[in-house]
Amino acid sequence: MANPWTGEVALVVGGERHALKLTLGALAELEAGLKADTLVAMIERFEQGRFSTRDVLALIVAGLRGGGWRGEVADLLSAEIEGGPVGAAKAAGQLLARAFALPEGGA
């Protein structure tokens, strides 16, 4: 089960439940592959609904790696993600939110 207090988000990929997390290393990898100047720019794109599928995939990969996954981007290209593209986008948005804020009701 994912722990929102540590920034984790649950996502089922290929029938297997994963805890995604944006660790410092995962954030650095994400930043290196961004098609935006900064993480703030990516956050703004998500807030404004202007994100691309490439953004969603990059966030999912970074979150999976932060959660300990050792796969490659190619492994996800044909993988079944629970909730489809909408579920993946929701998980990506939650990852960004949880990486930089406490869960709702947190102090």
PDB file of N, CA and C in Angstrom:
ATOM      1  N   MET A   1       0.851  -1.185   0.000  1.00  0.00           N
ATOM      2  CA  MET A   1       0.000   0.000   0.000  1.00  0.00           C
ATOM      3  C   MET A   1       0.892   1.243   0.000  1.00  0.00           C
ATOM      4  N   ALA A   2       0.495   2.226  -0.762  1.00  0.00           N
ATOM      5  CA  ALA A   2       1.262   3.471  -0.852  1.00  0.00           C
ATOM      6  C   ALA A   2       1.014   4.335   0.380  1.00  0.00           C
ATOM      7  N   ASN A   3       2.061   5.012   0.825  1.00  0.00           N
ATOM      8  CA  ASN A   3       1.987   5.887   1.992  1.00  0.00           C
ATOM      9  C   ASN A   3       2.051   7.339   1.524  1.00  0.00           C
ATOM     10  N   PRO A   4       0.909   8.053   1.538  1.00  0.00           N
ATOM     11  CA  PRO A   4       0.926   9.435   1.054  1.00  0.00           C
ATOM     12  C   PRO A   4       1.794  10.357   1.903  1.00  0.00           C
ATOM     13  N   TRP A   5       2.049  10.003   3.155  1.00  0.00           N
ATOM     14  CA  TRP A   5       2.879  10.844   4.028  1.00  0.00           C
ATOM     15  C   TRP A   5       4.342  10.829   3.606  1.00  0.00           C
ATOM     16  N   THR A   6       4.735   9.815   2.865  1.00  0.00           N
ATOM     17  CA  THR A   6       6.100   9.766   2.339  1.00  0.00           C
ATOM     18  C   THR A   6       6.136  10.084   0.850  1.00  0.00           C
ATOM     19  N   GLY A   7       5.015  10.538   0.311  1.00  0.00           N
ATOM     20  CA  GLY A   7       4.957  10.941  -1.087  1.00  0.00           C
ATOM     21  C   GLY A   7       4.637   9.827  -2.052  1.00  0.00           C
ATOM     22  N   GLU A   8       4.268   8.660  -1.555  1.00  0.00           N
ATOM     23  CA  GLU A   8       4.002   7.525  -2.433  1.00  0.00           C
ATOM     24  C   GLU A   8       2.612   7.592  -3.068  1.00  0.00           C
ATOM     25  N   VAL A   9       2.527   7.035  -4.274  1.00  0.00           N
ATOM     26  CA  VAL A   9       1.280   6.906  -5.022  1.00  0.00           C
ATOM     27  C   VAL A   9       1.223   5.469  -5.527  1.00  0.00           C
ATOM     28  N   ALA A  10       0.069   4.824  -5.384  1.00  0.00           N
ATOM     29  CA  ALA A  10      -0.090   3.448  -5.862  1.00  0.00           C
ATOM     30  C   ALA A  10      -0.522   3.447  -7.320  1.00  0.00           C
ATOM     31  N   LEU A  11       0.032   2.511  -8.085  1.00  0.00           N
ATOM     32  CA  LEU A  11      -0.360   2.341  -9.477  1.00  0.00           C
ATOM     33  C   LEU A  11      -0.170   0.872  -9.845  1.00  0.00           C
ATOM     34  N   VAL A  12      -1.169   0.312 -10.532  1.00  0.00           N
ATOM     35  CA  VAL A  12      -1.082  -1.071 -10.993  1.00  0.00           C
ATOM     36  C   VAL A  12      -0.612  -1.062 -12.439  1.00  0.00           C
ATOM     37  N   VAL A  13       0.529  -1.695 -12.674  1.00  0.00           N
ATOM     38  CA  VAL A  13       1.131  -1.779 -14.010  1.00  0.00           C
ATOM     39  C   VAL A  13       1.338  -3.254 -14.327  1.00  0.00           C
ATOM     40  N   GLY A  14       0.775  -3.695 -15.439  1.00  0.00           N
ATOM     41  CA  GLY A  14       0.918  -5.098 -15.826  1.00  0.00           C
ATOM     42  C   GLY A  14       0.380  -6.051 -14.782  1.00  0.00           C
ATOM     43  N   GLY A  15      -0.676  -5.638 -14.083  1.00  0.00           N
ATOM     44  CA  GLY A  15      -1.290  -6.477 -13.062  1.00  0.00           C
ATOM     45  C   GLY A  15      -0.565  -6.481 -11.724  1.00  0.00           C
ATOM     46  N   GLU A  16       0.528  -5.757 -11.621  1.00  0.00           N
ATOM     47  CA  GLU A  16       1.311  -5.706 -10.384  1.00  0.00           C
ATOM     48  C   GLU A  16       1.219  -4.311  -9.758  1.00  0.00           C
ATOM     49  N   ARG A  17       0.905  -4.284  -8.473  1.00  0.00           N
ATOM     50  CA  ARG A  17       0.769  -3.015  -7.755  1.00  0.00           C
ATOM     51  C   ARG A  17       2.155  -2.485  -7.380  1.00  0.00           C
ATOM     52  N   HIS A  18       2.371  -1.208  -7.681  1.00  0.00           N
ATOM     53  CA  HIS A  18       3.645  -0.555  -7.382  1.00  0.00           C
ATOM     54  C   HIS A  18       3.401   0.674  -6.514  1.00  0.00           C
ATOM     55  N   ALA A  19       4.358   0.977  -5.663  1.00  0.00           N
ATOM     56  CA  ALA A  19       4.362   2.241  -4.926  1.00  0.00           C
ATOM     57  C   ALA A  19       5.341   3.164  -5.637  1.00  0.00           C
ATOM     58  N   LEU A  20       4.834   4.236  -6.216  1.00  0.00           N
ATOM     59  CA  LEU A  20       5.654   5.212  -6.928  1.00  0.00           C
ATOM     60  C   LEU A  20       6.035   6.319  -5.964  1.00  0.00           C
ATOM     61  N   LYS A  21       7.254   6.822  -6.118  1.00  0.00           N
ATOM     62  CA  LYS A  21       7.736   7.879  -5.228  1.00  0.00           C
ATOM     63  C   LYS A  21       8.785   8.710  -5.965  1.00  0.00           C
ATOM     64  N   LEU A  22       8.697  10.016  -5.827  1.00  0.00           N
ATOM     65  CA  LEU A  22       9.693  10.889  -6.440  1.00  0.00           C
ATOM     66  C   LEU A  22      10.785  11.203  -5.423  1.00  0.00           C
ATOM     67  N   THR A  23      11.785  10.334  -5.376  1.00  0.00           N
ATOM     68  CA  THR A  23      12.945  10.554  -4.518  1.00  0.00           C
ATOM     69  C   THR A  23      13.818  11.629  -5.157  1.00  0.00           C
ATOM     70  N   LEU A  24      14.819  12.079  -4.443  1.00  0.00           N
ATOM     71  CA  LEU A  24      15.725  13.084  -4.995  1.00  0.00           C
ATOM     72  C   LEU A  24      16.385  12.571  -6.271  1.00  0.00           C
ATOM     73  N   GLY A  25      16.812  11.328  -6.266  1.00  0.00           N
ATOM     74  CA  GLY A  25      17.423  10.747  -7.461  1.00  0.00           C
ATOM     75  C   GLY A  25      16.434  10.646  -8.607  1.00  0.00           C
ATOM     76  N   ALA A  26      15.187  10.252  -8.308  1.00  0.00           N
ATOM     77  CA  ALA A  26      14.154  10.168  -9.341  1.00  0.00           C
ATOM     78  C   ALA A  26      13.846  11.553  -9.889  1.00  0.00           C
ATOM     79  N   LEU A  27      13.815  12.562  -9.023  1.00  0.00           N
ATOM     80  CA  LEU A  27      13.584  13.936  -9.476  1.00  0.00           C
ATOM     81  C   LEU A  27      14.723  14.425 -10.372  1.00  0.00           C
ATOM     82  N   ALA A  28      15.952  14.074 -10.015  1.00  0.00           N
ATOM     83  CA  ALA A  28      17.104  14.474 -10.829  1.00  0.00           C
ATOM     84  C   ALA A  28      17.032  13.828 -12.208  1.00  0.00           C
ATOM     85  N   GLU A  29      16.655  12.555 -12.248  1.00  0.00           N
ATOM     86  CA  GLU A  29      16.510  11.861 -13.529  1.00  0.00           C
ATOM     87  C   GLU A  29      15.375  12.495 -14.343  1.00  0.00           C
ATOM     88  N   LEU A  30      14.287  12.817 -13.681  1.00  0.00           N
ATOM     89  CA  LEU A  30      13.163  13.457 -14.348  1.00  0.00           C
ATOM     90  C   LEU A  30      13.562  14.810 -14.917  1.00  0.00           C
ATOM     91  N   GLU A  31      14.252  15.589 -14.115  1.00  0.00           N
ATOM     92  CA  GLU A  31      14.692  16.911 -14.550  1.00  0.00           C
ATOM     93  C   GLU A  31      15.601  16.820 -15.769  1.00  0.00           C
ATOM     94  N   ALA A  32      16.470  15.812 -15.784  1.00  0.00           N
ATOM     95  CA  ALA A  32      17.397  15.643 -16.910  1.00  0.00           C
ATOM     96  C   ALA A  32      16.655  15.335 -18.207  1.00  0.00           C
ATOM     97  N   GLY A  33      15.521  14.653 -18.110  1.00  0.00           N
ATOM     98  CA  GLY A  33      14.784  14.279 -19.304  1.00  0.00           C
ATOM     99  C   GLY A  33      13.618  15.187 -19.645  1.00  0.00           C
ATOM    100  N   LEU A  34      13.439  16.261 -18.897  1.00  0.00           N
ATOM    101  CA  LEU A  34      12.304  17.148 -19.121  1.00  0.00           C
ATOM    102  C   LEU A  34      12.392  17.907 -20.431  1.00  0.00           C
ATOM    103  N   LYS A  35      11.242  18.171 -20.974  1.00  0.00           N
ATOM    104  CA  LYS A  35      11.139  19.067 -22.117  1.00  0.00           C
ATOM    105  C   LYS A  35      10.614  20.409 -21.600  1.00  0.00           C
ATOM    106  N   ALA A  36      11.012  20.744 -20.375  1.00  0.00           N
ATOM    107  CA  ALA A  36      10.650  22.014 -19.726  1.00  0.00           C
ATOM    108  C   ALA A  36      11.915  22.511 -19.051  1.00  0.00           C
ATOM    109  N   ASP A  37      11.982  23.795 -18.797  1.00  0.00           N
ATOM    110  CA  ASP A  37      13.178  24.366 -18.189  1.00  0.00           C
ATOM    111  C   ASP A  37      13.398  23.868 -16.762  1.00  0.00           C
ATOM    112  N   THR A  38      12.308  23.700 -16.019  1.00  0.00           N
ATOM    113  CA  THR A  38      12.409  23.331 -14.607  1.00  0.00           C
ATOM    114  C   THR A  38      11.260  22.419 -14.214  1.00  0.00           C
ATOM    115  N   LEU A  39      11.364  21.832 -13.028  1.00  0.00           N
ATOM    116  CA  LEU A  39      10.250  21.057 -12.481  1.00  0.00           C
ATOM    117  C   LEU A  39       9.044  21.957 -12.245  1.00  0.00           C
ATOM    118  N   VAL A  40       9.290  23.207 -11.876  1.00  0.00           N
ATOM    119  CA  VAL A  40       8.196  24.154 -11.659  1.00  0.00           C
ATOM    120  C   VAL A  40       7.398  24.316 -12.949  1.00  0.00           C
ATOM    121  N   ALA A  41       8.080  24.371 -14.084  1.00  0.00           N
ATOM    122  CA  ALA A  41       7.394  24.484 -15.372  1.00  0.00           C
ATOM    123  C   ALA A  41       6.513  23.261 -15.616  1.00  0.00           C
ATOM    124  N   MET A  42       7.001  22.067 -15.264  1.00  0.00           N
ATOM    125  CA  MET A  42       6.193  20.867 -15.439  1.00  0.00           C
ATOM    126  C   MET A  42       4.984  20.899 -14.508  1.00  0.00           C
ATOM    127  N   ILE A  43       5.193  21.313 -13.272  1.00  0.00           N
ATOM    128  CA  ILE A  43       4.081  21.411 -12.320  1.00  0.00           C
ATOM    129  C   ILE A  43       3.026  22.370 -12.864  1.00  0.00           C
ATOM    130  N   GLU A  44       3.474  23.496 -13.387  1.00  0.00           N
ATOM    131  CA  GLU A  44       2.548  24.468 -13.956  1.00  0.00           C
ATOM    132  C   GLU A  44       1.769  23.876 -15.129  1.00  0.00           C
ATOM    133  N   ARG A  45       2.442  23.073 -15.965  1.00  0.00           N
ATOM    134  CA  ARG A  45       1.747  22.438 -17.093  1.00  0.00           C
ATOM    135  C   ARG A  45       0.645  21.517 -16.586  1.00  0.00           C
ATOM    136  N   PHE A  46       0.925  20.754 -15.517  1.00  0.00           N
ATOM    137  CA  PHE A  46      -0.094  19.863 -14.957  1.00  0.00           C
ATOM    138  C   PHE A  46      -1.238  20.663 -14.361  1.00  0.00           C
ATOM    139  N   GLU A  47      -0.913  21.716 -13.628  1.00  0.00           N
ATOM    140  CA  GLU A  47      -1.955  22.546 -13.015  1.00  0.00           C
ATOM    141  C   GLU A  47      -2.853  23.177 -14.068  1.00  0.00           C
ATOM    142  N   GLN A  48      -2.293  23.503 -15.217  1.00  0.00           N
ATOM    143  CA  GLN A  48      -3.046  24.160 -16.284  1.00  0.00           C
ATOM    144  C   GLN A  48      -3.619  23.167 -17.301  1.00  0.00           C
ATOM    145  N   GLY A  49      -3.377  21.862 -17.074  1.00  0.00           N
ATOM    146  CA  GLY A  49      -3.888  20.850 -17.986  1.00  0.00           C
ATOM    147  C   GLY A  49      -3.192  20.842 -19.332  1.00  0.00           C
ATOM    148  N   ARG A  50      -1.946  21.320 -19.393  1.00  0.00           N
ATOM    149  CA  ARG A  50      -1.198  21.415 -20.652  1.00  0.00           C
ATOM    150  C   ARG A  50      -0.088  20.361 -20.742  1.00  0.00           C
ATOM    151  N   PHE A  51      -0.197  19.290 -20.010  1.00  0.00           N
ATOM    152  CA  PHE A  51       0.851  18.267 -20.002  1.00  0.00           C
ATOM    153  C   PHE A  51       0.684  17.329 -21.195  1.00  0.00           C
ATOM    154  N   SER A  52       1.792  16.703 -21.570  1.00  0.00           N
ATOM    155  CA  SER A  52       1.785  15.765 -22.698  1.00  0.00           C
ATOM    156  C   SER A  52       1.852  14.332 -22.172  1.00  0.00           C
ATOM    157  N   THR A  53       1.613  13.387 -23.064  1.00  0.00           N
ATOM    158  CA  THR A  53       1.769  11.981 -22.680  1.00  0.00           C
ATOM    159  C   THR A  53       3.227  11.696 -22.327  1.00  0.00           C
ATOM    160  N   ARG A  54       4.147  12.404 -22.962  1.00  0.00           N
ATOM    161  CA  ARG A  54       5.578  12.263 -22.646  1.00  0.00           C
ATOM    162  C   ARG A  54       5.836  12.686 -21.196  1.00  0.00           C
ATOM    163  N   ASP A  55       5.172  13.768 -20.743  1.00  0.00           N
ATOM    164  CA  ASP A  55       5.294  14.210 -19.349  1.00  0.00           C
ATOM    165  C   ASP A  55       4.786  13.133 -18.398  1.00  0.00           C
ATOM    166  N   VAL A  56       3.621  12.571 -18.729  1.00  0.00           N
ATOM    167  CA  VAL A  56       3.023  11.538 -17.881  1.00  0.00           C
ATOM    168  C   VAL A  56       3.950  10.329 -17.802  1.00  0.00           C
ATOM    169  N   LEU A  57       4.436   9.876 -18.940  1.00  0.00           N
ATOM    170  CA  LEU A  57       5.332   8.714 -18.966  1.00  0.00           C
ATOM    171  C   LEU A  57       6.611   8.982 -18.176  1.00  0.00           C
ATOM    172  N   ALA A  58       7.192  10.162 -18.348  1.00  0.00           N
ATOM    173  CA  ALA A  58       8.424  10.502 -17.619  1.00  0.00           C
ATOM    174  C   ALA A  58       8.185  10.491 -16.107  1.00  0.00           C
ATOM    175  N   LEU A  59       7.050  11.025 -15.679  1.00  0.00           N
ATOM    176  CA  LEU A  59       6.743  11.026 -14.245  1.00  0.00           C
ATOM    177  C   LEU A  59       6.501   9.622 -13.718  1.00  0.00           C
ATOM    178  N   ILE A  60       5.776   8.796 -14.481  1.00  0.00           N
ATOM    179  CA  ILE A  60       5.520   7.416 -14.054  1.00  0.00           C
ATOM    180  C   ILE A  60       6.836   6.645 -13.941  1.00  0.00           C
ATOM    181  N   VAL A  61       7.701   6.779 -14.925  1.00  0.00           N
ATOM    182  CA  VAL A  61       9.003   6.089 -14.887  1.00  0.00           C
ATOM    183  C   VAL A  61       9.819   6.565 -13.679  1.00  0.00           C
ATOM    184  N   ALA A  62       9.887   7.874 -13.474  1.00  0.00           N
ATOM    185  CA  ALA A  62      10.638   8.403 -12.330  1.00  0.00           C
ATOM    186  C   ALA A  62      10.052   7.907 -11.015  1.00  0.00           C
ATOM    187  N   GLY A  63       8.731   7.901 -10.923  1.00  0.00           N
ATOM    188  CA  GLY A  63       8.085   7.413  -9.702  1.00  0.00           C
ATOM    189  C   GLY A  63       8.318   5.935  -9.464  1.00  0.00           C
ATOM    190  N   LEU A  64       8.233   5.147 -10.523  1.00  0.00           N
ATOM    191  CA  LEU A  64       8.516   3.714 -10.395  1.00  0.00           C
ATOM    192  C   LEU A  64       9.955   3.491  -9.930  1.00  0.00           C
ATOM    193  N   ARG A  65      10.883   4.206 -10.548  1.00  0.00           N
ATOM    194  CA  ARG A  65      12.292   4.043 -10.157  1.00  0.00           C
ATOM    195  C   ARG A  65      12.518   4.498  -8.723  1.00  0.00           C
ATOM    196  N   GLY A  66      11.862   5.591  -8.328  1.00  0.00           N
ATOM    197  CA  GLY A  66      11.958   6.040  -6.941  1.00  0.00           C
ATOM    198  C   GLY A  66      11.385   5.027  -5.968  1.00  0.00           C
ATOM    199  N   GLY A  67      10.451   4.210  -6.454  1.00  0.00           N
ATOM    200  CA  GLY A  67       9.861   3.152  -5.636  1.00  0.00           C
ATOM    201  C   GLY A  67      10.618   1.842  -5.709  1.00  0.00           C
ATOM    202  N   GLY A  68      11.737   1.820  -6.451  1.00  0.00           N
ATOM    203  CA  GLY A  68      12.575   0.625  -6.492  1.00  0.00           C
ATOM    204  C   GLY A  68      12.497  -0.192  -7.768  1.00  0.00           C
ATOM    205  N   TRP A  69      11.665   0.198  -8.710  1.00  0.00           N
ATOM    206  CA  TRP A  69      11.525  -0.530  -9.972  1.00  0.00           C
ATOM    207  C   TRP A  69      12.804  -0.405 -10.785  1.00  0.00           C
ATOM    208  N   ARG A  70      13.216  -1.477 -11.435  1.00  0.00           N
ATOM    209  CA  ARG A  70      14.455  -1.464 -12.211  1.00  0.00           C
ATOM    210  C   ARG A  70      14.221  -1.645 -13.703  1.00  0.00           C
ATOM    211  N   GLY A  71      12.988  -1.414 -14.147  1.00  0.00           N
ATOM    212  CA  GLY A  71      12.660  -1.584 -15.551  1.00  0.00           C
ATOM    213  C   GLY A  71      13.143  -0.436 -16.409  1.00  0.00           C
ATOM    214  N   GLU A  72      12.755  -0.485 -17.656  1.00  0.00           N
ATOM    215  CA  GLU A  72      13.116   0.533 -18.643  1.00  0.00           C
ATOM    216  C   GLU A  72      11.839   1.145 -19.210  1.00  0.00           C
ATOM    217  N   VAL A  73      11.972   2.314 -19.808  1.00  0.00           N
ATOM    218  CA  VAL A  73      10.829   2.990 -20.424  1.00  0.00           C
ATOM    219  C   VAL A  73      10.131   2.053 -21.407  1.00  0.00           C
ATOM    220  N   ALA A  74      10.901   1.316 -22.179  1.00  0.00           N
ATOM    221  CA  ALA A  74      10.337   0.406 -23.184  1.00  0.00           C
ATOM    222  C   ALA A  74       9.398  -0.621 -22.551  1.00  0.00           C
ATOM    223  N   ASP A  75       9.649  -0.991 -21.295  1.00  0.00           N
ATOM    224  CA  ASP A  75       8.792  -1.957 -20.600  1.00  0.00           C
ATOM    225  C   ASP A  75       7.373  -1.415 -20.415  1.00  0.00           C
ATOM    226  N   LEU A  76       7.224  -0.099 -20.376  1.00  0.00           N
ATOM    227  CA  LEU A  76       5.919   0.504 -20.141  1.00  0.00           C
ATOM    228  C   LEU A  76       5.142   0.780 -21.425  1.00  0.00           C
ATOM    229  N   LEU A  77       5.813   0.769 -22.556  1.00  0.00           N
ATOM    230  CA  LEU A  77       5.161   1.139 -23.804  1.00  0.00           C
ATOM    231  C   LEU A  77       4.003   0.223 -24.168  1.00  0.00           C
ATOM    232  N   SER A  78       4.074  -1.043 -23.776  1.00  0.00           N
ATOM    233  CA  SER A  78       2.974  -1.966 -24.062  1.00  0.00           C
ATOM    234  C   SER A  78       2.326  -2.501 -22.789  1.00  0.00           C
ATOM    235  N   ALA A  79       2.716  -1.957 -21.643  1.00  0.00           N
ATOM    236  CA  ALA A  79       2.174  -2.434 -20.367  1.00  0.00           C
ATOM    237  C   ALA A  79       0.761  -1.904 -20.148  1.00  0.00           C
ATOM    238  N   GLU A  80      -0.072  -2.720 -19.542  1.00  0.00           N
ATOM    239  CA  GLU A  80      -1.426  -2.329 -19.164  1.00  0.00           C
ATOM    240  C   GLU A  80      -1.332  -1.546 -17.858  1.00  0.00           C
ATOM    241  N   ILE A  81      -1.785  -0.299 -17.883  1.00  0.00           N
ATOM    242  CA  ILE A  81      -1.804   0.531 -16.681  1.00  0.00           C
ATOM    243  C   ILE A  81      -3.251   0.663 -16.244  1.00  0.00           C
ATOM    244  N   GLU A  82      -3.502   0.284 -15.001  1.00  0.00           N
ATOM    245  CA  GLU A  82      -4.867   0.346 -14.487  1.00  0.00           C
ATOM    246  C   GLU A  82      -5.412   1.774 -14.602  1.00  0.00           C
ATOM    247  N   GLY A  83      -6.577   1.905 -15.185  1.00  0.00           N
ATOM    248  CA  GLY A  83      -7.164   3.226 -15.397  1.00  0.00           C
ATOM    249  C   GLY A  83      -6.769   3.843 -16.718  1.00  0.00           C
ATOM    250  N   GLY A  84      -5.912   3.165 -17.477  1.00  0.00           N
ATOM    251  CA  GLY A  84      -5.500   3.650 -18.786  1.00  0.00           C
ATOM    252  C   GLY A  84      -4.776   4.989 -18.713  1.00  0.00           C
ATOM    253  N   PRO A  85      -4.837   5.755 -19.782  1.00  0.00           N
ATOM    254  CA  PRO A  85      -4.146   7.047 -19.816  1.00  0.00           C
ATOM    255  C   PRO A  85      -4.618   8.009 -18.727  1.00  0.00           C
ATOM    256  N   VAL A  86      -5.915   7.977 -18.426  1.00  0.00           N
ATOM    257  CA  VAL A  86      -6.436   8.860 -17.381  1.00  0.00           C
ATOM    258  C   VAL A  86      -5.880   8.454 -16.015  1.00  0.00           C
ATOM    259  N   GLY A  87      -5.823   7.153 -15.743  1.00  0.00           N
ATOM    260  CA  GLY A  87      -5.258   6.675 -14.479  1.00  0.00           C
ATOM    261  C   GLY A  87      -3.786   7.021 -14.349  1.00  0.00           C
ATOM    262  N   ALA A  88      -3.059   6.913 -15.451  1.00  0.00           N
ATOM    263  CA  ALA A  88      -1.633   7.255 -15.442  1.00  0.00           C
ATOM    264  C   ALA A  88      -1.452   8.748 -15.202  1.00  0.00           C
ATOM    265  N   ALA A  89      -2.260   9.581 -15.867  1.00  0.00           N
ATOM    266  CA  ALA A  89      -2.161  11.035 -15.684  1.00  0.00           C
ATOM    267  C   ALA A  89      -2.519  11.431 -14.258  1.00  0.00           C
ATOM    268  N   LYS A  90      -3.526  10.780 -13.689  1.00  0.00           N
ATOM    269  CA  LYS A  90      -3.916  11.059 -12.299  1.00  0.00           C
ATOM    270  C   LYS A  90      -2.771  10.711 -11.347  1.00  0.00           C
ATOM    271  N   ALA A  91      -2.155   9.540 -11.551  1.00  0.00           N
ATOM    272  CA  ALA A  91      -1.034   9.121 -10.701  1.00  0.00           C
ATOM    273  C   ALA A  91       0.139  10.097 -10.850  1.00  0.00           C
ATOM    274  N   ALA A  92       0.413  10.540 -12.069  1.00  0.00           N
ATOM    275  CA  ALA A  92       1.511  11.483 -12.310  1.00  0.00           C
ATOM    276  C   ALA A  92       1.259  12.791 -11.575  1.00  0.00           C
ATOM    277  N   GLY A  93       0.035  13.300 -11.659  1.00  0.00           N
ATOM    278  CA  GLY A  93      -0.311  14.527 -10.956  1.00  0.00           C
ATOM    279  C   GLY A  93      -0.194  14.380  -9.449  1.00  0.00           C
ATOM    280  N   GLN A  94      -0.646  13.227  -8.930  1.00  0.00           N
ATOM    281  CA  GLN A  94      -0.522  12.966  -7.495  1.00  0.00           C
ATOM    282  C   GLN A  94       0.939  12.893  -7.071  1.00  0.00           C
ATOM    283  N   LEU A  95       1.776  12.306  -7.913  1.00  0.00           N
ATOM    284  CA  LEU A  95       3.209  12.233  -7.600  1.00  0.00           C
ATOM    285  C   LEU A  95       3.800  13.624  -7.419  1.00  0.00           C
ATOM    286  N   LEU A  96       3.495  14.505  -8.351  1.00  0.00           N
ATOM    287  CA  LEU A  96       3.999  15.877  -8.242  1.00  0.00           C
ATOM    288  C   LEU A  96       3.482  16.554  -6.981  1.00  0.00           C
ATOM    289  N   ALA A  97       2.198  16.423  -6.731  1.00  0.00           N
ATOM    290  CA  ALA A  97       1.603  17.069  -5.557  1.00  0.00           C
ATOM    291  C   ALA A  97       2.201  16.528  -4.269  1.00  0.00           C
ATOM    292  N   ARG A  98       2.352  15.221  -4.176  1.00  0.00           N
ATOM    293  CA  ARG A  98       2.855  14.615  -2.937  1.00  0.00           C
ATOM    294  C   ARG A  98       4.348  14.825  -2.744  1.00  0.00           C
ATOM    295  N   ALA A  99       5.065  15.065  -3.823  1.00  0.00           N
ATOM    296  CA  ALA A  99       6.503  15.300  -3.692  1.00  0.00           C
ATOM    297  C   ALA A  99       6.785  16.648  -3.041  1.00  0.00           C
ATOM    298  N   PHE A 100       5.848  17.588  -3.162  1.00  0.00           N
ATOM    299  CA  PHE A 100       6.108  18.947  -2.704  1.00  0.00           C
ATOM    300  C   PHE A 100       5.105  19.468  -1.697  1.00  0.00           C
ATOM    301  N   ALA A 101       4.227  18.596  -1.166  1.00  0.00           N
ATOM    302  CA  ALA A 101       3.242  19.041  -0.171  1.00  0.00           C
ATOM    303  C   ALA A 101       2.830  17.865   0.704  1.00  0.00           C
ATOM    304  N   LEU A 102       2.348  18.173   1.902  1.00  0.00           N
ATOM    305  CA  LEU A 102       1.799  17.146   2.778  1.00  0.00           C
ATOM    306  C   LEU A 102       0.426  16.741   2.284  1.00  0.00           C
ATOM    307  N   PRO A 103      -0.014  15.498   2.583  1.00  0.00           N
ATOM    308  CA  PRO A 103      -1.371  15.088   2.196  1.00  0.00           C
ATOM    309  C   PRO A 103      -2.415  16.010   2.837  1.00  0.00           C
ATOM    310  N   GLU A 104      -3.616  16.011   2.237  1.00  0.00           N
ATOM    311  CA  GLU A 104      -4.684  16.838   2.789  1.00  0.00           C
ATOM    312  C   GLU A 104      -4.897  16.491   4.257  1.00  0.00           C
ATOM    313  N   GLY A 105      -5.124  17.523   5.046  1.00  0.00           N
ATOM    314  CA  GLY A 105      -5.311  17.321   6.477  1.00  0.00           C
ATOM    315  C   GLY A 105      -4.015  17.257   7.255  1.00  0.00           C
ATOM    316  N   GLY A 106      -2.860  17.339   6.542  1.00  0.00           N
ATOM    317  CA  GLY A 106      -1.550  17.281   7.190  1.00  0.00           C
ATOM    318  C   GLY A 106      -1.184  18.609   7.784  1.00  0.00           C
ATOM    319  N   ALA A 107      -0.280  18.563   8.730  1.00  0.00           N
ATOM    320  CA  ALA A 107       0.167  19.803   9.375  1.00  0.00           C
ATOM    321  C   ALA A 107       1.424  20.320   8.727  1.00  0.00           C
TER     322      ALA A 107
END
